[in-house]
């Protein structure tokens, strides 16, 4: 019986001592490399890779995440005029009216309205004023795309929210609204 009591007391002491340790720090690390990884500078050296660099070179024909998409027209008035005169929708045969309408509904309707008359919900609530009617404007594929890409006046850029193909779908839908 004394032996059982002695074992219980010994077990209790072990539990007390192990439970009193700091829970915020690790006392035992099974795989220390997982807890304390070796970090490398982005453009630093690393002998593990063929090129000796810690960063990877993007595959040919791809853009690094966050990189600017190739767009030949600058964010200036001259760039706007050049885009207006020269830029054409490359998706003419691949236009999907339903998709263009859906994208327009998501990104444009709140200011420009369902019909492109400049009477979106934000205009009605007087959050933004002076949103133009599409029918009153001289619009081409190029200047619509340029404004979606860079924004103009109070309208901000939508280039980070929309892919190139989605922008062209919206351009086609804006022309459809102008013709109705």
C-alpha atoms as a PDB file:
ATOM      1  CA  UNK A   1       0.000   0.000   0.000  1.00  0.00           C
ATOM      2  CA  UNK A   2       2.864   2.317   0.828  1.00  0.00           C
ATOM      3  CA  UNK A   3       4.296   1.660  -2.604  1.00  0.00           C
ATOM      4  CA  UNK A   4       1.015   2.690  -4.306  1.00  0.00           C
ATOM      5  CA  UNK A   5       0.803   5.912  -2.285  1.00  0.00           C
ATOM      6  CA  UNK A   6       4.455   6.637  -3.026  1.00  0.00           C
ATOM      7  CA  UNK A   7       3.823   6.182  -6.789  1.00  0.00           C
ATOM      8  CA  UNK A   8       0.725   8.405  -6.688  1.00  0.00           C
ATOM      9  CA  UNK A   9       2.641  11.172  -4.868  1.00  0.00           C
ATOM     10  CA  UNK A  10       5.513  10.845  -7.339  1.00  0.00           C
ATOM     11  CA  UNK A  11       3.101  11.033 -10.279  1.00  0.00           C
ATOM     12  CA  UNK A  12       1.364  14.064  -8.752  1.00  0.00           C
ATOM     13  CA  UNK A  13       4.726  15.833  -8.348  1.00  0.00           C
ATOM     14  CA  UNK A  14       5.642  15.148 -11.963  1.00  0.00           C
ATOM     15  CA  UNK A  15       2.273  16.510 -13.127  1.00  0.00           C
ATOM     16  CA  UNK A  16       2.654  19.642 -10.950  1.00  0.00           C
ATOM     17  CA  UNK A  17       6.177  20.375 -12.195  1.00  0.00           C
ATOM     18  CA  UNK A  18       5.372  19.819 -15.851  1.00  0.00           C
ATOM     19  CA  UNK A  19       2.152  21.835 -15.709  1.00  0.00           C
ATOM     20  CA  UNK A  20       3.865  24.860 -14.205  1.00  0.00           C
ATOM     21  CA  UNK A  21       6.014  25.516 -17.274  1.00  0.00           C
ATOM     22  CA  UNK A  22       5.426  28.520 -19.567  1.00  0.00           C
ATOM     23  CA  UNK A  23       2.805  27.514 -22.165  1.00  0.00           C
ATOM     24  CA  UNK A  24       3.834  30.280 -24.593  1.00  0.00           C
ATOM     25  CA  UNK A  25       7.253  28.800 -25.307  1.00  0.00           C
ATOM     26  CA  UNK A  26       8.034  25.402 -26.709  1.00  0.00           C
ATOM     27  CA  UNK A  27       9.983  23.158 -24.382  1.00  0.00           C
ATOM     28  CA  UNK A  28      10.408  20.315 -26.835  1.00  0.00           C
ATOM     29  CA  UNK A  29      10.832  20.707 -30.581  1.00  0.00           C
ATOM     30  CA  UNK A  30      10.445  17.570 -32.618  1.00  0.00           C
ATOM     31  CA  UNK A  31      11.527  19.198 -35.887  1.00  0.00           C
ATOM     32  CA  UNK A  32      13.405  22.414 -35.116  1.00  0.00           C
ATOM     33  CA  UNK A  33      13.756  23.319 -38.804  1.00  0.00           C
ATOM     34  CA  UNK A  34       9.981  23.663 -38.994  1.00  0.00           C
ATOM     35  CA  UNK A  35       9.889  26.152 -36.116  1.00  0.00           C
ATOM     36  CA  UNK A  36      12.963  28.183 -37.050  1.00  0.00           C
ATOM     37  CA  UNK A  37      13.233  28.206 -40.852  1.00  0.00           C
ATOM     38  CA  UNK A  38      16.179  29.659 -42.688  1.00  0.00           C
ATOM     39  CA  UNK A  39      15.013  32.819 -44.418  1.00  0.00           C
ATOM     40  CA  UNK A  40      16.542  34.311 -47.531  1.00  0.00           C
ATOM     41  CA  UNK A  41      16.488  37.816 -48.936  1.00  0.00           C
ATOM     42  CA  UNK A  42      14.324  38.034 -52.060  1.00  0.00           C
ATOM     43  CA  UNK A  43      17.171  38.845 -54.427  1.00  0.00           C
ATOM     44  CA  UNK A  44      19.886  37.272 -52.275  1.00  0.00           C
ATOM     45  CA  UNK A  45      22.043  34.273 -53.021  1.00  0.00           C
ATOM     46  CA  UNK A  46      20.990  30.688 -52.477  1.00  0.00           C
ATOM     47  CA  UNK A  47      23.188  27.824 -53.629  1.00  0.00           C
ATOM     48  CA  UNK A  48      20.225  25.442 -53.643  1.00  0.00           C
ATOM     49  CA  UNK A  49      18.921  26.753 -57.002  1.00  0.00           C
ATOM     50  CA  UNK A  50      20.560  26.551 -60.415  1.00  0.00           C
ATOM     51  CA  UNK A  51      20.774  30.296 -60.932  1.00  0.00           C
ATOM     52  CA  UNK A  52      22.189  30.833 -57.435  1.00  0.00           C
ATOM     53  CA  UNK A  53      19.398  33.259 -56.546  1.00  0.00           C
ATOM     54  CA  UNK A  54      16.779  32.927 -53.832  1.00  0.00           C
ATOM     55  CA  UNK A  55      14.035  34.284 -56.106  1.00  0.00           C
ATOM     56  CA  UNK A  56      12.565  32.338 -58.993  1.00  0.00           C
ATOM     57  CA  UNK A  57      12.399  33.794 -62.480  1.00  0.00           C
ATOM     58  CA  UNK A  58       8.835  33.807 -63.878  1.00  0.00           C
ATOM     59  CA  UNK A  59       8.133  31.521 -66.814  1.00  0.00           C
ATOM     60  CA  UNK A  60       8.426  33.077 -70.250  1.00  0.00           C
ATOM     61  CA  UNK A  61       5.273  34.879 -71.368  1.00  0.00           C
ATOM     62  CA  UNK A  62       3.942  35.315 -67.825  1.00  0.00           C
ATOM     63  CA  UNK A  63       3.711  38.358 -65.613  1.00  0.00           C
ATOM     64  CA  UNK A  64       4.827  38.425 -62.026  1.00  0.00           C
ATOM     65  CA  UNK A  65       2.028  38.875 -59.508  1.00  0.00           C
ATOM     66  CA  UNK A  66       1.241  42.569 -59.090  1.00  0.00           C
ATOM     67  CA  UNK A  67       3.066  43.513 -62.302  1.00  0.00           C
ATOM     68  CA  UNK A  68       1.555  45.957 -64.729  1.00  0.00           C
ATOM     69  CA  UNK A  69      -0.247  44.428 -67.679  1.00  0.00           C
ATOM     70  CA  UNK A  70       1.175  45.445 -71.020  1.00  0.00           C
ATOM     71  CA  UNK A  71      -0.887  48.391 -72.201  1.00  0.00           C
ATOM     72  CA  UNK A  72       0.558  50.683 -74.853  1.00  0.00           C
ATOM     73  CA  UNK A  73      -1.242  53.881 -73.879  1.00  0.00           C
ATOM     74  CA  UNK A  74      -0.080  56.128 -71.040  1.00  0.00           C
ATOM     75  CA  UNK A  75      -2.296  57.585 -68.351  1.00  0.00           C
ATOM     76  CA  UNK A  76      -2.278  61.052 -69.931  1.00  0.00           C
ATOM     77  CA  UNK A  77      -4.669  63.070 -72.059  1.00  0.00           C
ATOM     78  CA  UNK A  78      -2.509  62.223 -75.085  1.00  0.00           C
ATOM     79  CA  UNK A  79      -2.732  58.519 -74.215  1.00  0.00           C
ATOM     80  CA  UNK A  80      -6.505  58.873 -73.886  1.00  0.00           C
ATOM     81  CA  UNK A  81      -6.767  60.495 -77.332  1.00  0.00           C
ATOM     82  CA  UNK A  82      -4.486  57.870 -78.913  1.00  0.00           C
ATOM     83  CA  UNK A  83      -6.528  55.046 -77.382  1.00  0.00           C
ATOM     84  CA  UNK A  84      -9.725  56.716 -78.552  1.00  0.00           C
ATOM     85  CA  UNK A  85      -8.434  56.916 -82.118  1.00  0.00           C
ATOM     86  CA  UNK A  86      -6.551  53.619 -82.439  1.00  0.00           C
ATOM     87  CA  UNK A  87      -7.654  50.981 -79.930  1.00  0.00           C
ATOM     88  CA  UNK A  88     -10.228  48.435 -81.118  1.00  0.00           C
ATOM     89  CA  UNK A  89     -11.920  45.578 -79.294  1.00  0.00           C
ATOM     90  CA  UNK A  90      -9.991  42.377 -80.142  1.00  0.00           C
ATOM     91  CA  UNK A  91     -12.879  40.158 -78.955  1.00  0.00           C
ATOM     92  CA  UNK A  92     -15.398  41.116 -81.645  1.00  0.00           C
ATOM     93  CA  UNK A  93     -16.313  37.520 -82.413  1.00  0.00           C
ATOM     94  CA  UNK A  94     -15.993  36.348 -78.792  1.00  0.00           C
ATOM     95  CA  UNK A  95     -18.316  38.867 -77.166  1.00  0.00           C
ATOM     96  CA  UNK A  96     -20.709  37.299 -74.675  1.00  0.00           C
ATOM     97  CA  UNK A  97     -23.576  39.771 -74.097  1.00  0.00           C
ATOM     98  CA  UNK A  98     -24.745  38.021 -70.918  1.00  0.00           C
ATOM     99  CA  UNK A  99     -21.276  38.126 -69.389  1.00  0.00           C
ATOM    100  CA  UNK A 100     -20.752  41.764 -70.371  1.00  0.00           C
ATOM    101  CA  UNK A 101     -24.089  42.691 -68.809  1.00  0.00           C
ATOM    102  CA  UNK A 102     -23.285  40.775 -65.620  1.00  0.00           C
ATOM    103  CA  UNK A 103     -19.864  42.419 -65.266  1.00  0.00           C
ATOM    104  CA  UNK A 104     -21.386  45.830 -65.975  1.00  0.00           C
ATOM    105  CA  UNK A 105     -23.972  45.150 -63.272  1.00  0.00           C
ATOM    106  CA  UNK A 106     -21.253  44.365 -60.748  1.00  0.00           C
ATOM    107  CA  UNK A 107     -18.776  47.151 -61.479  1.00  0.00           C
ATOM    108  CA  UNK A 108     -20.609  49.972 -63.256  1.00  0.00           C
ATOM    109  CA  UNK A 109     -24.320  50.051 -62.407  1.00  0.00           C
ATOM    110  CA  UNK A 110     -23.898  51.652 -58.987  1.00  0.00           C
ATOM    111  CA  UNK A 111     -22.772  54.902 -60.642  1.00  0.00           C
ATOM    112  CA  UNK A 112     -23.782  54.694 -64.325  1.00  0.00           C
ATOM    113  CA  UNK A 113     -27.152  52.973 -63.847  1.00  0.00           C
ATOM    114  CA  UNK A 114     -28.661  49.965 -65.627  1.00  0.00           C
ATOM    115  CA  UNK A 115     -29.180  51.865 -68.876  1.00  0.00           C
ATOM    116  CA  UNK A 116     -25.949  53.907 -68.850  1.00  0.00           C
ATOM    117  CA  UNK A 117     -27.840  57.137 -68.294  1.00  0.00           C
ATOM    118  CA  UNK A 118     -25.666  58.212 -65.372  1.00  0.00           C
ATOM    119  CA  UNK A 119     -28.439  57.559 -62.856  1.00  0.00           C
ATOM    120  CA  UNK A 120     -27.011  54.794 -60.694  1.00  0.00           C
ATOM    121  CA  UNK A 121     -27.906  54.346 -57.045  1.00  0.00           C
ATOM    122  CA  UNK A 122     -24.927  56.399 -55.837  1.00  0.00           C
ATOM    123  CA  UNK A 123     -25.933  59.282 -58.120  1.00  0.00           C
ATOM    124  CA  UNK A 124     -29.532  59.107 -56.914  1.00  0.00           C
ATOM    125  CA  UNK A 125     -28.292  59.320 -53.320  1.00  0.00           C
ATOM    126  CA  UNK A 126     -26.055  62.253 -54.335  1.00  0.00           C
ATOM    127  CA  UNK A 127     -22.842  60.488 -53.351  1.00  0.00           C
ATOM    128  CA  UNK A 128     -21.426  61.263 -56.817  1.00  0.00           C
ATOM    129  CA  UNK A 129     -22.723  63.917 -59.170  1.00  0.00           C
ATOM    130  CA  UNK A 130     -22.053  64.551 -62.840  1.00  0.00           C
ATOM    131  CA  UNK A 131     -21.870  60.952 -64.063  1.00  0.00           C
ATOM    132  CA  UNK A 132     -22.418  61.308 -67.814  1.00  0.00           C
ATOM    133  CA  UNK A 133     -25.004  59.617 -69.988  1.00  0.00           C
ATOM    134  CA  UNK A 134     -23.361  57.313 -72.537  1.00  0.00           C
ATOM    135  CA  UNK A 135     -25.647  58.564 -75.328  1.00  0.00           C
ATOM    136  CA  UNK A 136     -24.364  62.138 -74.853  1.00  0.00           C
ATOM    137  CA  UNK A 137     -20.719  61.138 -75.360  1.00  0.00           C
ATOM    138  CA  UNK A 138     -18.504  60.380 -78.329  1.00  0.00           C
ATOM    139  CA  UNK A 139     -17.369  56.934 -77.213  1.00  0.00           C
ATOM    140  CA  UNK A 140     -15.117  54.464 -78.987  1.00  0.00           C
ATOM    141  CA  UNK A 141     -13.751  51.102 -77.897  1.00  0.00           C
ATOM    142  CA  UNK A 142     -10.456  52.765 -77.089  1.00  0.00           C
ATOM    143  CA  UNK A 143     -11.608  55.548 -74.800  1.00  0.00           C
ATOM    144  CA  UNK A 144     -14.025  53.295 -72.886  1.00  0.00           C
ATOM    145  CA  UNK A 145     -11.255  50.744 -72.323  1.00  0.00           C
ATOM    146  CA  UNK A 146      -8.790  53.506 -71.386  1.00  0.00           C
ATOM    147  CA  UNK A 147     -11.167  54.911 -68.755  1.00  0.00           C
ATOM    148  CA  UNK A 148     -11.788  51.437 -67.300  1.00  0.00           C
ATOM    149  CA  UNK A 149      -8.031  50.888 -67.239  1.00  0.00           C
ATOM    150  CA  UNK A 150      -6.946  54.196 -65.657  1.00  0.00           C
ATOM    151  CA  UNK A 151     -10.126  55.923 -64.512  1.00  0.00           C
ATOM    152  CA  UNK A 152     -11.061  59.503 -65.298  1.00  0.00           C
ATOM    153  CA  UNK A 153     -12.258  62.423 -63.185  1.00  0.00           C
ATOM    154  CA  UNK A 154     -14.059  60.890 -60.160  1.00  0.00           C
ATOM    155  CA  UNK A 155     -14.050  57.388 -61.609  1.00  0.00           C
ATOM    156  CA  UNK A 156     -11.187  55.296 -60.329  1.00  0.00           C
ATOM    157  CA  UNK A 157      -9.272  52.610 -62.188  1.00  0.00           C
ATOM    158  CA  UNK A 158     -10.799  49.143 -62.430  1.00  0.00           C
ATOM    159  CA  UNK A 159      -7.678  47.509 -63.867  1.00  0.00           C
ATOM    160  CA  UNK A 160      -6.969  45.588 -60.678  1.00  0.00           C
ATOM    161  CA  UNK A 161     -10.507  44.194 -60.426  1.00  0.00           C
ATOM    162  CA  UNK A 162     -11.036  43.194 -64.055  1.00  0.00           C
ATOM    163  CA  UNK A 163      -9.009  41.088 -66.439  1.00  0.00           C
ATOM    164  CA  UNK A 164      -8.318  42.363 -69.938  1.00  0.00           C
ATOM    165  CA  UNK A 165     -11.009  40.102 -71.394  1.00  0.00           C
ATOM    166  CA  UNK A 166     -13.581  41.278 -68.816  1.00  0.00           C
ATOM    167  CA  UNK A 167     -12.817  44.927 -69.624  1.00  0.00           C
ATOM    168  CA  UNK A 168     -13.510  44.266 -73.308  1.00  0.00           C
ATOM    169  CA  UNK A 169     -16.784  42.519 -72.427  1.00  0.00           C
ATOM    170  CA  UNK A 170     -17.850  45.665 -70.543  1.00  0.00           C
ATOM    171  CA  UNK A 171     -16.785  47.867 -73.488  1.00  0.00           C
ATOM    172  CA  UNK A 172     -19.094  45.839 -75.755  1.00  0.00           C
ATOM    173  CA  UNK A 173     -21.949  46.166 -73.265  1.00  0.00           C
ATOM    174  CA  UNK A 174     -21.500  49.952 -73.039  1.00  0.00           C
ATOM    175  CA  UNK A 175     -21.853  50.139 -76.843  1.00  0.00           C
ATOM    176  CA  UNK A 176     -24.976  47.994 -76.593  1.00  0.00           C
ATOM    177  CA  UNK A 177     -26.445  50.435 -74.029  1.00  0.00           C
ATOM    178  CA  UNK A 178     -25.620  53.388 -76.282  1.00  0.00           C
ATOM    179  CA  UNK A 179     -27.404  51.796 -79.234  1.00  0.00           C
ATOM    180  CA  UNK A 180     -30.617  51.047 -77.296  1.00  0.00           C
END
